[in-house]
N, C-alpha and C. Protein backbone atom coordinates (compact mmCIF):
# COMPACT_ATOMS: atom_id res chain seq x y z
N UNK A 1 12.81 -63.09 -34.04
CA UNK A 1 13.01 -61.59 -33.83
C UNK A 1 14.41 -61.20 -33.64
N UNK A 2 15.22 -62.02 -32.97
CA UNK A 2 16.61 -61.58 -32.78
C UNK A 2 17.37 -61.47 -34.14
N UNK A 3 16.96 -62.58 -35.02
CA UNK A 3 17.62 -62.56 -36.33
C UNK A 3 17.19 -61.27 -37.15
N UNK A 4 15.92 -60.80 -36.92
CA UNK A 4 15.53 -59.58 -37.64
C UNK A 4 16.20 -58.39 -37.03
N UNK A 5 16.48 -58.30 -35.74
CA UNK A 5 17.20 -57.23 -35.17
C UNK A 5 18.64 -57.13 -35.71
N UNK A 6 19.23 -58.30 -35.76
CA UNK A 6 20.65 -58.37 -36.24
C UNK A 6 20.70 -57.92 -37.68
N UNK A 7 19.84 -58.42 -38.47
CA UNK A 7 19.88 -58.02 -39.88
C UNK A 7 19.51 -56.54 -40.03
N UNK A 8 18.67 -55.97 -39.19
CA UNK A 8 18.42 -54.60 -39.27
C UNK A 8 19.58 -53.80 -38.86
N UNK A 9 20.31 -54.20 -37.90
CA UNK A 9 21.56 -53.51 -37.38
C UNK A 9 22.62 -53.54 -38.49
N UNK A 10 22.83 -54.71 -39.06
CA UNK A 10 23.75 -54.92 -40.16
C UNK A 10 23.46 -53.91 -41.28
N UNK A 11 22.07 -53.81 -41.65
CA UNK A 11 21.63 -52.97 -42.76
C UNK A 11 21.88 -51.47 -42.46
N UNK A 12 21.72 -51.07 -41.07
CA UNK A 12 22.07 -49.65 -40.73
C UNK A 12 23.57 -49.33 -40.76
N UNK A 13 24.33 -50.34 -40.41
CA UNK A 13 25.85 -50.21 -40.54
C UNK A 13 26.27 -50.09 -41.95
N UNK A 14 25.66 -50.85 -42.85
CA UNK A 14 26.05 -50.79 -44.18
C UNK A 14 25.54 -49.55 -44.87
N UNK A 15 24.40 -49.03 -44.44
CA UNK A 15 23.88 -47.76 -44.92
C UNK A 15 24.79 -46.69 -44.53
N UNK A 16 25.23 -46.62 -43.26
CA UNK A 16 26.09 -45.62 -42.78
C UNK A 16 27.45 -45.55 -43.35
N UNK A 17 27.84 -46.78 -43.83
CA UNK A 17 29.26 -46.85 -44.55
C UNK A 17 29.14 -46.28 -45.90
N UNK A 18 27.88 -45.95 -46.41
CA UNK A 18 27.86 -45.37 -47.72
C UNK A 18 27.70 -43.86 -47.69
N UNK A 19 27.79 -43.28 -46.48
CA UNK A 19 27.58 -41.92 -46.26
C UNK A 19 28.87 -41.16 -46.08
N UNK A 20 29.44 -40.31 -46.84
CA UNK A 20 30.72 -39.67 -46.71
C UNK A 20 30.91 -39.05 -45.36
N UNK A 21 29.88 -38.44 -44.83
CA UNK A 21 30.06 -37.73 -43.43
C UNK A 21 30.27 -38.73 -42.39
N UNK A 22 29.79 -40.01 -42.48
CA UNK A 22 30.04 -41.07 -41.49
C UNK A 22 31.36 -41.64 -41.79
N UNK A 23 31.76 -42.00 -42.93
CA UNK A 23 33.00 -42.69 -43.19
C UNK A 23 34.19 -41.65 -42.87
N UNK A 24 33.99 -40.37 -43.05
CA UNK A 24 35.06 -39.48 -42.69
C UNK A 24 35.49 -39.55 -41.20
N UNK A 25 34.64 -39.96 -40.35
CA UNK A 25 34.90 -40.06 -38.89
C UNK A 25 35.77 -41.21 -38.54
N UNK A 26 35.97 -42.10 -39.49
CA UNK A 26 36.77 -43.35 -39.20
C UNK A 26 38.27 -43.24 -39.67
N UNK A 27 38.44 -42.09 -40.45
CA UNK A 27 39.93 -41.96 -40.80
C UNK A 27 40.81 -41.78 -39.63
N UNK A 28 42.07 -42.37 -39.62
CA UNK A 28 42.82 -42.03 -38.49
C UNK A 28 43.20 -40.57 -38.34
N UNK A 29 43.18 -40.07 -37.16
CA UNK A 29 43.39 -38.56 -36.94
C UNK A 29 44.72 -38.18 -37.31
N UNK A 30 44.89 -37.03 -37.99
CA UNK A 30 46.11 -36.59 -38.50
C UNK A 30 46.78 -35.69 -37.35
N UNK A 31 48.03 -35.99 -37.01
CA UNK A 31 48.68 -35.21 -35.88
C UNK A 31 48.71 -33.82 -36.16
N UNK A 32 48.69 -32.93 -35.20
CA UNK A 32 48.82 -31.46 -35.41
C UNK A 32 50.14 -31.12 -35.85
N UNK A 33 50.20 -30.03 -36.56
CA UNK A 33 51.44 -29.45 -37.07
C UNK A 33 52.41 -28.99 -35.97
N UNK A 34 53.59 -29.34 -35.97
CA UNK A 34 54.63 -28.83 -35.06
C UNK A 34 55.54 -27.91 -35.66
N UNK A 35 55.76 -26.79 -34.99
CA UNK A 35 56.58 -25.75 -35.51
C UNK A 35 55.87 -24.64 -36.18
N UNK A 36 56.48 -23.58 -36.64
CA UNK A 36 55.80 -22.48 -37.11
C UNK A 36 56.51 -21.92 -38.42
N UNK A 37 57.51 -22.58 -38.80
CA UNK A 37 58.21 -22.17 -40.10
C UNK A 37 57.30 -22.39 -41.35
N UNK A 38 57.33 -21.45 -42.21
CA UNK A 38 56.63 -21.72 -43.42
C UNK A 38 57.24 -22.81 -44.33
N UNK A 39 56.37 -23.63 -44.91
CA UNK A 39 56.86 -24.78 -45.70
C UNK A 39 57.68 -24.22 -46.87
N UNK A 40 58.86 -24.96 -47.01
CA UNK A 40 59.78 -24.54 -48.14
C UNK A 40 59.84 -25.63 -49.18
N UNK A 41 59.00 -26.61 -49.19
CA UNK A 41 58.94 -27.61 -50.24
C UNK A 41 57.52 -28.30 -50.20
N UNK A 42 57.16 -28.90 -51.28
CA UNK A 42 55.95 -29.85 -51.33
C UNK A 42 56.49 -31.19 -51.52
N UNK A 43 56.10 -32.15 -50.73
CA UNK A 43 56.53 -33.50 -50.81
C UNK A 43 55.27 -34.38 -51.18
N UNK A 44 55.39 -35.19 -52.14
CA UNK A 44 54.30 -36.15 -52.51
C UNK A 44 54.86 -37.59 -52.53
N UNK A 45 54.00 -38.44 -51.93
CA UNK A 45 54.31 -39.90 -51.77
C UNK A 45 53.67 -40.68 -52.92
N UNK A 46 54.50 -41.60 -53.42
CA UNK A 46 53.99 -42.54 -54.50
C UNK A 46 52.93 -43.41 -53.83
N UNK A 47 52.08 -43.89 -54.73
CA UNK A 47 50.96 -44.81 -54.36
C UNK A 47 51.03 -46.17 -55.01
N UNK A 48 52.03 -46.35 -55.82
CA UNK A 48 52.15 -47.68 -56.55
C UNK A 48 52.31 -47.39 -58.04
N UNK A 49 52.74 -48.53 -58.67
CA UNK A 49 52.86 -48.46 -60.12
C UNK A 49 52.32 -49.72 -60.71
N UNK A 50 51.96 -49.78 -61.95
CA UNK A 50 51.48 -51.00 -62.52
C UNK A 50 52.18 -51.29 -63.89
N UNK A 51 52.10 -52.49 -64.23
CA UNK A 51 52.76 -52.85 -65.56
C UNK A 51 52.02 -52.27 -66.71
N UNK A 52 52.74 -51.98 -67.67
CA UNK A 52 52.14 -51.50 -69.04
C UNK A 52 53.21 -51.79 -70.16
N UNK A 53 52.89 -52.98 -70.78
CA UNK A 53 53.80 -53.42 -71.81
C UNK A 53 55.14 -53.84 -71.15
N UNK A 54 56.27 -53.25 -71.57
CA UNK A 54 57.53 -53.58 -71.03
C UNK A 54 57.89 -52.72 -69.94
N UNK A 55 57.03 -51.76 -69.54
CA UNK A 55 57.46 -50.73 -68.53
C UNK A 55 56.33 -50.69 -67.48
N UNK A 56 56.29 -49.41 -66.86
CA UNK A 56 55.43 -49.25 -65.77
C UNK A 56 54.74 -47.97 -65.95
N UNK A 57 53.57 -47.70 -65.30
CA UNK A 57 52.95 -46.39 -65.19
C UNK A 57 52.36 -46.30 -63.76
N UNK A 58 52.25 -45.00 -63.39
CA UNK A 58 51.62 -44.71 -62.19
C UNK A 58 50.13 -45.22 -62.05
N UNK A 59 49.70 -45.62 -60.90
CA UNK A 59 48.26 -46.01 -60.70
C UNK A 59 47.49 -44.83 -60.60
N UNK A 60 46.20 -44.92 -60.52
CA UNK A 60 45.28 -43.85 -60.49
C UNK A 60 45.44 -43.02 -59.30
N UNK A 61 45.63 -43.62 -58.06
CA UNK A 61 45.64 -42.90 -56.77
C UNK A 61 47.00 -42.09 -56.78
N UNK A 62 48.11 -42.70 -57.39
CA UNK A 62 49.41 -41.91 -57.46
C UNK A 62 49.21 -40.70 -58.34
N UNK A 63 48.49 -40.82 -59.38
CA UNK A 63 48.32 -39.68 -60.33
C UNK A 63 47.46 -38.61 -59.61
N UNK A 64 46.54 -39.03 -58.80
CA UNK A 64 45.70 -38.04 -58.15
C UNK A 64 46.53 -37.27 -57.11
N UNK A 65 47.39 -37.95 -56.33
CA UNK A 65 48.23 -37.38 -55.37
C UNK A 65 49.10 -36.42 -56.09
N UNK A 66 49.70 -36.80 -57.20
CA UNK A 66 50.66 -35.89 -57.85
C UNK A 66 50.09 -34.66 -58.50
N UNK A 67 48.83 -34.71 -59.01
CA UNK A 67 48.16 -33.57 -59.50
C UNK A 67 47.89 -32.59 -58.49
N UNK A 68 47.57 -32.97 -57.26
CA UNK A 68 47.20 -32.10 -56.08
C UNK A 68 48.59 -31.50 -55.68
N UNK A 69 49.59 -32.28 -55.63
CA UNK A 69 50.94 -31.73 -55.17
C UNK A 69 51.46 -30.79 -56.17
N UNK A 70 51.37 -31.05 -57.50
CA UNK A 70 51.74 -30.22 -58.56
C UNK A 70 51.06 -28.77 -58.41
N UNK A 71 49.79 -28.87 -58.21
CA UNK A 71 49.06 -27.71 -58.18
C UNK A 71 49.56 -26.75 -56.99
N UNK A 72 49.71 -27.44 -55.85
CA UNK A 72 50.17 -26.68 -54.64
C UNK A 72 51.54 -26.05 -54.88
N UNK A 73 52.55 -26.80 -55.58
CA UNK A 73 53.83 -26.38 -55.70
C UNK A 73 53.88 -25.16 -56.74
N UNK A 74 53.03 -25.27 -57.75
CA UNK A 74 52.96 -24.07 -58.74
C UNK A 74 52.34 -22.91 -58.09
N UNK A 75 51.31 -23.11 -57.27
CA UNK A 75 50.63 -22.00 -56.67
C UNK A 75 51.53 -21.32 -55.61
N UNK A 76 52.25 -22.00 -54.72
CA UNK A 76 53.14 -21.52 -53.82
C UNK A 76 54.59 -21.21 -54.28
N UNK A 77 54.79 -21.58 -55.46
CA UNK A 77 56.26 -21.57 -56.07
C UNK A 77 57.21 -22.15 -55.18
N UNK A 78 56.99 -23.34 -54.92
CA UNK A 78 57.84 -24.18 -54.09
C UNK A 78 58.47 -25.39 -54.85
N UNK A 79 59.55 -25.85 -54.42
CA UNK A 79 60.19 -27.10 -55.14
C UNK A 79 59.36 -28.27 -54.75
N UNK A 80 59.34 -29.16 -55.61
CA UNK A 80 58.54 -30.45 -55.49
C UNK A 80 59.41 -31.71 -55.31
N UNK A 81 59.23 -32.34 -54.25
CA UNK A 81 60.04 -33.58 -53.93
C UNK A 81 59.14 -34.83 -54.18
N UNK A 82 59.58 -35.67 -55.13
CA UNK A 82 58.80 -36.71 -55.55
C UNK A 82 59.43 -38.04 -54.82
N UNK A 83 58.55 -38.76 -54.11
CA UNK A 83 59.06 -39.89 -53.40
C UNK A 83 58.51 -41.28 -53.83
N UNK A 84 59.38 -42.15 -54.06
CA UNK A 84 58.96 -43.54 -54.30
C UNK A 84 59.91 -44.25 -55.13
N UNK A 85 60.31 -45.49 -54.65
CA UNK A 85 61.01 -46.40 -55.44
C UNK A 85 60.05 -47.41 -56.09
N UNK A 86 59.93 -48.68 -55.43
CA UNK A 86 58.98 -49.59 -55.86
C UNK A 86 58.62 -50.40 -54.56
N UNK A 87 57.38 -50.84 -54.51
CA UNK A 87 56.87 -51.46 -53.23
C UNK A 87 57.59 -52.83 -53.04
N UNK A 88 57.73 -53.22 -51.78
CA UNK A 88 58.19 -54.62 -51.45
C UNK A 88 59.65 -54.87 -52.08
N UNK A 89 59.68 -55.98 -52.68
CA UNK A 89 61.06 -56.35 -53.22
C UNK A 89 61.08 -56.50 -54.70
N UNK A 90 60.15 -55.66 -55.41
CA UNK A 90 60.09 -55.61 -56.83
C UNK A 90 61.40 -55.22 -57.35
N UNK A 91 61.84 -55.78 -58.55
CA UNK A 91 63.05 -55.26 -59.15
C UNK A 91 62.97 -53.80 -59.55
N UNK A 92 64.06 -52.99 -59.46
CA UNK A 92 63.91 -51.55 -59.67
C UNK A 92 65.06 -51.07 -60.49
N UNK A 93 64.66 -50.40 -61.58
CA UNK A 93 65.73 -49.59 -62.29
C UNK A 93 65.40 -48.16 -62.07
N UNK A 94 66.44 -47.32 -62.02
CA UNK A 94 66.06 -45.87 -61.71
C UNK A 94 65.06 -45.26 -62.56
N UNK A 95 64.99 -45.54 -63.89
CA UNK A 95 64.00 -44.97 -64.62
C UNK A 95 62.60 -45.51 -64.54
N UNK A 96 62.46 -46.65 -63.77
CA UNK A 96 61.22 -47.27 -63.48
C UNK A 96 60.70 -46.95 -62.06
N UNK A 97 61.44 -46.24 -61.33
CA UNK A 97 61.04 -45.86 -59.87
C UNK A 97 59.68 -44.99 -60.00
N UNK A 98 58.92 -45.04 -58.89
CA UNK A 98 57.81 -44.16 -58.91
C UNK A 98 58.14 -42.66 -58.97
N UNK A 99 59.25 -42.28 -58.44
CA UNK A 99 59.66 -40.88 -58.55
C UNK A 99 60.00 -40.57 -59.93
N UNK A 100 60.64 -41.42 -60.71
CA UNK A 100 61.00 -41.11 -62.13
C UNK A 100 59.76 -41.03 -62.90
N UNK A 101 58.72 -41.90 -62.66
CA UNK A 101 57.52 -41.99 -63.36
C UNK A 101 56.78 -40.64 -63.15
N UNK A 102 56.79 -40.13 -61.85
CA UNK A 102 56.09 -38.90 -61.53
C UNK A 102 56.74 -37.80 -62.21
N UNK A 103 58.11 -37.78 -62.24
CA UNK A 103 58.85 -36.73 -62.88
C UNK A 103 58.45 -36.55 -64.31
N UNK A 104 58.17 -37.64 -65.07
CA UNK A 104 57.77 -37.54 -66.46
C UNK A 104 56.41 -36.81 -66.55
N UNK A 105 55.48 -37.10 -65.64
CA UNK A 105 54.24 -36.48 -65.78
C UNK A 105 54.34 -34.94 -65.39
N UNK A 106 55.17 -34.62 -64.41
CA UNK A 106 55.31 -33.24 -63.99
C UNK A 106 55.94 -32.48 -65.05
N UNK A 107 56.97 -32.96 -65.64
CA UNK A 107 57.68 -32.15 -66.80
C UNK A 107 56.86 -31.95 -68.00
N UNK A 108 55.86 -32.83 -68.16
CA UNK A 108 54.95 -32.50 -69.34
C UNK A 108 54.06 -31.40 -69.00
N UNK A 109 53.61 -31.28 -67.72
CA UNK A 109 52.69 -30.12 -67.29
C UNK A 109 53.45 -28.94 -66.91
N UNK A 110 54.70 -29.05 -66.43
CA UNK A 110 55.51 -27.95 -65.90
C UNK A 110 56.90 -28.18 -66.23
N UNK A 111 57.30 -27.82 -67.40
CA UNK A 111 58.77 -28.22 -67.84
C UNK A 111 59.83 -27.57 -67.02
N UNK A 112 59.65 -26.44 -66.39
CA UNK A 112 60.60 -25.80 -65.59
C UNK A 112 60.54 -26.15 -64.13
N UNK A 113 59.66 -27.04 -63.69
CA UNK A 113 59.37 -27.40 -62.32
C UNK A 113 60.75 -27.68 -61.58
N UNK A 114 60.88 -27.07 -60.38
CA UNK A 114 62.10 -27.35 -59.57
C UNK A 114 61.93 -28.65 -58.87
N UNK A 115 62.41 -29.73 -59.29
CA UNK A 115 62.23 -31.04 -58.89
C UNK A 115 63.30 -31.59 -57.98
N UNK A 116 62.97 -32.38 -56.99
CA UNK A 116 63.88 -33.32 -56.37
C UNK A 116 63.24 -34.58 -56.34
N UNK A 117 64.10 -35.70 -56.57
CA UNK A 117 63.60 -37.05 -56.53
C UNK A 117 64.21 -37.90 -55.45
N UNK A 118 63.40 -38.64 -54.84
CA UNK A 118 63.92 -39.67 -53.87
C UNK A 118 63.36 -40.98 -54.36
N UNK A 119 64.20 -41.83 -55.05
CA UNK A 119 63.79 -43.01 -55.88
C UNK A 119 64.23 -44.31 -55.29
N UNK A 120 64.33 -44.42 -53.99
CA UNK A 120 64.85 -45.70 -53.45
C UNK A 120 63.96 -46.25 -52.42
N UNK A 121 63.04 -45.49 -51.82
CA UNK A 121 62.19 -45.88 -50.74
C UNK A 121 61.14 -47.00 -51.24
N UNK A 122 60.84 -47.83 -50.30
CA UNK A 122 59.89 -49.04 -50.58
C UNK A 122 58.70 -48.95 -49.74
N UNK A 123 58.55 -48.09 -48.75
CA UNK A 123 57.47 -47.98 -47.93
C UNK A 123 57.46 -46.53 -47.30
N UNK A 124 56.40 -46.28 -46.48
CA UNK A 124 56.21 -44.87 -45.93
C UNK A 124 57.25 -44.53 -45.12
N UNK A 125 57.74 -45.38 -44.25
CA UNK A 125 58.88 -45.04 -43.23
C UNK A 125 60.21 -44.66 -44.08
N UNK A 126 60.56 -45.44 -45.09
CA UNK A 126 61.69 -45.16 -45.92
C UNK A 126 61.40 -43.85 -46.75
N UNK A 127 60.12 -43.66 -47.23
CA UNK A 127 59.91 -42.33 -47.80
C UNK A 127 60.29 -41.21 -46.90
N UNK A 128 59.97 -41.25 -45.59
CA UNK A 128 60.28 -40.21 -44.70
C UNK A 128 61.85 -40.07 -44.38
N UNK A 129 62.35 -41.22 -44.16
CA UNK A 129 63.90 -41.25 -43.90
C UNK A 129 64.71 -40.66 -45.05
N UNK A 130 64.34 -41.22 -46.29
CA UNK A 130 65.19 -40.74 -47.38
C UNK A 130 64.81 -39.34 -47.86
N UNK A 131 63.64 -38.97 -47.71
CA UNK A 131 63.15 -37.57 -48.10
C UNK A 131 63.84 -36.64 -47.19
N UNK A 132 63.96 -36.96 -45.99
CA UNK A 132 64.57 -36.01 -44.91
C UNK A 132 66.07 -35.79 -45.34
N UNK A 133 66.72 -36.81 -45.90
CA UNK A 133 68.06 -36.72 -46.28
C UNK A 133 68.25 -35.62 -47.50
N UNK A 134 67.37 -35.91 -48.47
CA UNK A 134 67.30 -35.07 -49.63
C UNK A 134 67.00 -33.64 -49.21
N UNK A 135 66.11 -33.34 -48.37
CA UNK A 135 65.66 -32.05 -47.99
C UNK A 135 66.77 -31.42 -47.21
N UNK A 136 67.28 -32.06 -46.21
CA UNK A 136 68.39 -31.46 -45.41
C UNK A 136 69.63 -31.07 -46.24
N UNK A 137 69.95 -31.75 -47.24
CA UNK A 137 71.00 -31.43 -48.08
C UNK A 137 70.83 -30.01 -48.77
N UNK A 138 69.55 -29.59 -48.81
CA UNK A 138 69.23 -28.36 -49.34
C UNK A 138 68.78 -27.25 -48.25
N UNK A 139 69.01 -27.75 -47.01
CA UNK A 139 68.70 -26.84 -45.90
C UNK A 139 67.22 -26.67 -45.67
N UNK A 140 66.36 -27.69 -45.96
CA UNK A 140 64.89 -27.55 -45.83
C UNK A 140 64.53 -28.37 -44.71
N UNK A 141 63.74 -27.79 -43.78
CA UNK A 141 63.23 -28.48 -42.60
C UNK A 141 61.73 -28.52 -42.42
N UNK A 142 61.09 -27.66 -43.29
CA UNK A 142 59.68 -27.63 -43.24
C UNK A 142 59.07 -27.92 -44.66
N UNK A 143 57.88 -28.57 -44.70
CA UNK A 143 57.27 -29.08 -45.91
C UNK A 143 55.79 -29.14 -45.80
N UNK A 144 55.18 -29.19 -47.01
CA UNK A 144 53.78 -29.63 -47.15
C UNK A 144 53.77 -31.09 -47.65
N UNK A 145 53.18 -31.94 -46.94
CA UNK A 145 53.08 -33.33 -47.25
C UNK A 145 51.81 -33.75 -47.91
N UNK A 146 51.87 -34.30 -49.08
CA UNK A 146 50.63 -34.68 -49.83
C UNK A 146 50.44 -36.13 -49.97
N UNK A 147 49.36 -36.63 -49.41
CA UNK A 147 48.97 -38.06 -49.69
C UNK A 147 47.46 -38.09 -49.43
N UNK A 148 46.90 -39.35 -49.68
CA UNK A 148 45.46 -39.38 -49.45
C UNK A 148 45.05 -39.38 -48.02
N UNK A 149 43.82 -39.12 -47.75
CA UNK A 149 43.34 -38.93 -46.37
C UNK A 149 43.56 -40.15 -45.45
N UNK A 150 43.34 -41.35 -45.93
CA UNK A 150 43.57 -42.50 -45.16
C UNK A 150 45.00 -42.71 -44.74
N UNK A 151 45.87 -42.37 -45.56
CA UNK A 151 47.30 -42.56 -45.36
C UNK A 151 47.98 -41.38 -44.58
N UNK A 152 47.36 -40.32 -44.43
CA UNK A 152 47.95 -39.03 -44.09
C UNK A 152 48.40 -39.10 -42.60
N UNK A 153 47.80 -39.76 -41.75
CA UNK A 153 48.17 -39.83 -40.33
C UNK A 153 49.55 -40.58 -40.23
N UNK A 154 49.55 -41.79 -40.76
CA UNK A 154 50.84 -42.52 -40.85
C UNK A 154 52.07 -41.79 -41.44
N UNK A 155 51.68 -41.25 -42.60
CA UNK A 155 52.83 -40.47 -43.27
C UNK A 155 53.30 -39.38 -42.47
N UNK A 156 52.32 -38.54 -41.83
CA UNK A 156 52.78 -37.39 -41.10
C UNK A 156 53.61 -37.91 -39.87
N UNK A 157 53.22 -38.96 -39.23
CA UNK A 157 53.94 -39.46 -38.02
C UNK A 157 55.35 -39.85 -38.47
N UNK A 158 55.49 -40.48 -39.66
CA UNK A 158 56.83 -40.90 -40.08
C UNK A 158 57.69 -39.62 -40.33
N UNK A 159 57.13 -38.65 -41.02
CA UNK A 159 57.96 -37.43 -41.31
C UNK A 159 58.24 -36.71 -39.98
N UNK A 160 57.30 -36.54 -39.07
CA UNK A 160 57.58 -35.83 -37.84
C UNK A 160 58.68 -36.62 -37.09
N UNK A 161 58.82 -37.90 -37.20
CA UNK A 161 59.81 -38.71 -36.52
C UNK A 161 61.23 -38.39 -37.03
N UNK A 162 61.28 -37.71 -38.21
CA UNK A 162 62.60 -37.36 -38.78
C UNK A 162 62.93 -35.79 -38.26
N UNK A 163 62.06 -35.26 -37.45
CA UNK A 163 62.18 -34.00 -36.84
C UNK A 163 62.00 -32.89 -37.98
N UNK A 164 61.05 -33.11 -38.86
CA UNK A 164 60.69 -32.20 -39.82
C UNK A 164 59.38 -31.57 -39.44
N UNK A 165 59.19 -30.27 -39.87
CA UNK A 165 57.95 -29.55 -39.70
C UNK A 165 57.03 -29.91 -40.77
N UNK A 166 55.87 -30.50 -40.46
CA UNK A 166 55.00 -31.09 -41.54
C UNK A 166 53.69 -30.34 -41.50
N UNK A 167 53.35 -29.85 -42.69
CA UNK A 167 52.01 -29.31 -42.81
C UNK A 167 51.20 -30.47 -43.72
N UNK A 168 50.40 -31.17 -43.16
CA UNK A 168 49.63 -32.28 -43.83
C UNK A 168 48.65 -31.71 -44.90
N UNK A 169 48.61 -32.27 -45.93
CA UNK A 169 47.60 -31.87 -47.04
C UNK A 169 46.99 -33.14 -47.57
N UNK A 170 45.71 -33.33 -47.35
CA UNK A 170 44.94 -34.52 -47.76
C UNK A 170 44.44 -34.45 -49.23
N UNK A 171 44.64 -35.55 -49.99
CA UNK A 171 43.92 -35.74 -51.24
C UNK A 171 42.55 -36.34 -50.90
N UNK A 172 41.51 -35.68 -51.18
CA UNK A 172 40.16 -36.11 -50.72
C UNK A 172 39.71 -37.16 -51.65
N UNK A 173 39.34 -38.30 -51.20
CA UNK A 173 38.71 -39.47 -51.90
C UNK A 173 37.24 -39.58 -51.79
N UNK A 174 36.65 -38.79 -50.75
CA UNK A 174 35.22 -39.04 -50.55
C UNK A 174 34.39 -38.12 -51.45
N UNK A 175 33.21 -38.47 -51.86
CA UNK A 175 32.38 -37.60 -52.53
C UNK A 175 31.99 -36.32 -51.74
N UNK A 176 31.73 -35.31 -52.50
CA UNK A 176 31.61 -33.96 -51.88
C UNK A 176 30.28 -33.81 -51.14
N UNK A 177 29.22 -34.49 -51.38
CA UNK A 177 27.92 -34.40 -50.78
C UNK A 177 27.92 -35.32 -49.50
N UNK A 178 28.07 -34.74 -48.28
CA UNK A 178 28.34 -35.57 -47.18
C UNK A 178 27.21 -36.60 -46.73
N UNK A 179 26.07 -36.27 -47.08
CA UNK A 179 24.93 -37.15 -46.67
C UNK A 179 24.30 -37.78 -47.85
N UNK A 180 24.92 -37.88 -48.96
CA UNK A 180 24.37 -38.52 -50.17
C UNK A 180 24.97 -39.93 -50.21
N UNK A 181 24.28 -40.99 -50.04
CA UNK A 181 24.81 -42.35 -50.11
C UNK A 181 25.60 -42.59 -51.37
N UNK A 182 26.72 -43.24 -51.21
CA UNK A 182 27.75 -43.30 -52.33
C UNK A 182 28.52 -44.61 -52.21
N UNK A 183 28.69 -45.25 -53.38
CA UNK A 183 29.57 -46.46 -53.34
C UNK A 183 31.03 -45.96 -53.21
N UNK A 184 31.36 -44.74 -53.63
CA UNK A 184 32.76 -44.29 -53.33
C UNK A 184 33.04 -44.15 -51.93
N UNK A 185 32.10 -43.74 -51.10
CA UNK A 185 32.33 -43.71 -49.59
C UNK A 185 32.50 -45.23 -49.14
N UNK A 186 31.68 -46.07 -49.54
CA UNK A 186 31.83 -47.60 -49.09
C UNK A 186 33.20 -48.01 -49.43
N UNK A 187 33.59 -47.64 -50.57
CA UNK A 187 34.90 -48.31 -51.03
C UNK A 187 36.13 -47.86 -50.20
N UNK A 188 35.87 -46.75 -49.36
CA UNK A 188 36.99 -46.35 -48.54
C UNK A 188 37.15 -47.15 -47.29
N UNK A 189 36.10 -47.74 -46.89
CA UNK A 189 36.18 -48.53 -45.61
C UNK A 189 37.15 -49.59 -45.54
N UNK A 190 37.38 -50.47 -46.56
CA UNK A 190 38.53 -51.45 -46.38
C UNK A 190 39.83 -50.68 -46.30
N UNK A 191 39.95 -49.60 -46.99
CA UNK A 191 41.29 -48.91 -46.87
C UNK A 191 41.59 -48.34 -45.53
N UNK A 192 40.41 -47.81 -44.93
CA UNK A 192 40.60 -47.18 -43.53
C UNK A 192 40.94 -48.32 -42.50
N UNK A 193 40.23 -49.41 -42.63
CA UNK A 193 40.46 -50.51 -41.56
C UNK A 193 41.98 -51.06 -41.75
N UNK A 194 42.34 -51.17 -43.04
CA UNK A 194 43.74 -51.59 -43.24
C UNK A 194 44.82 -50.64 -42.68
N UNK A 195 44.41 -49.38 -42.95
CA UNK A 195 45.37 -48.25 -42.43
C UNK A 195 45.54 -48.38 -40.92
N UNK A 196 44.39 -48.57 -40.15
CA UNK A 196 44.47 -48.75 -38.75
C UNK A 196 45.37 -49.83 -38.30
N UNK A 197 45.24 -50.91 -39.03
CA UNK A 197 46.04 -52.14 -38.70
C UNK A 197 47.58 -51.89 -39.06
N UNK A 198 47.84 -51.19 -40.10
CA UNK A 198 49.27 -50.84 -40.45
C UNK A 198 49.82 -49.91 -39.37
N UNK A 199 48.98 -48.92 -39.05
CA UNK A 199 49.34 -47.94 -38.05
C UNK A 199 49.82 -48.75 -36.79
N UNK A 200 49.13 -49.67 -36.27
CA UNK A 200 49.50 -50.44 -35.09
C UNK A 200 50.88 -51.10 -35.37
N UNK A 201 51.02 -51.73 -36.55
CA UNK A 201 52.33 -52.39 -36.88
C UNK A 201 53.41 -51.37 -36.94
N UNK A 202 53.20 -50.13 -37.49
CA UNK A 202 54.26 -49.22 -37.54
C UNK A 202 54.74 -48.81 -36.12
N UNK A 203 53.70 -48.57 -35.29
CA UNK A 203 54.11 -48.19 -33.86
C UNK A 203 54.96 -49.24 -33.14
N UNK A 204 54.71 -50.54 -33.52
CA UNK A 204 55.53 -51.54 -33.02
C UNK A 204 56.93 -51.56 -33.68
N UNK A 205 56.94 -51.30 -34.90
CA UNK A 205 58.31 -51.48 -35.65
C UNK A 205 59.18 -50.26 -35.64
N UNK A 206 58.66 -49.03 -35.74
CA UNK A 206 59.44 -47.87 -35.96
C UNK A 206 59.28 -46.87 -34.70
N UNK A 207 60.12 -45.99 -34.54
CA UNK A 207 60.14 -45.08 -33.45
C UNK A 207 59.28 -43.82 -33.67
N UNK A 208 57.99 -44.04 -33.88
CA UNK A 208 56.97 -43.03 -34.14
C UNK A 208 56.62 -42.08 -32.85
């Protein structure tokens, strides 16, 4: 009987993990906006790059973030800051940085886009530190920050730690029907649990 109950509980948990409305409750909570100045730039964070022949291209998540940021920047007529070097200790040439790869995509869609590039960072904390330098050189202290929902809490904390006014903007990865079981919802769970672990590590390592 105990085994049946345990199996039943596991089945309920697994079923719940396929429901977008349930999965959404597990995302790390995004910090509230600090300050009241209107955003003066849109900042998008890279999500990784992958090999293609002799070069690199953006991964699917990075392209999704970029499309959302591009739409926001065009709609609000704001400059767009593209952030990302290469993860970890990968070798990096300027033209192979995530920021440079993003710039190629943007210029095809919006040739006259007002772009800023931050092409040296290798993680979210460095994204924030180096982006803050680029923005302050232009007198910008407030921004819209674009990344996916699971990453948005950590990214917002890192940018707020640089004393910037951050308006978080999530790239939605969950299916739209909240109570319709979905493999897409289930696929978010490993990302969410990883993000909670990384958040704990960031709180230990950086002054968030």
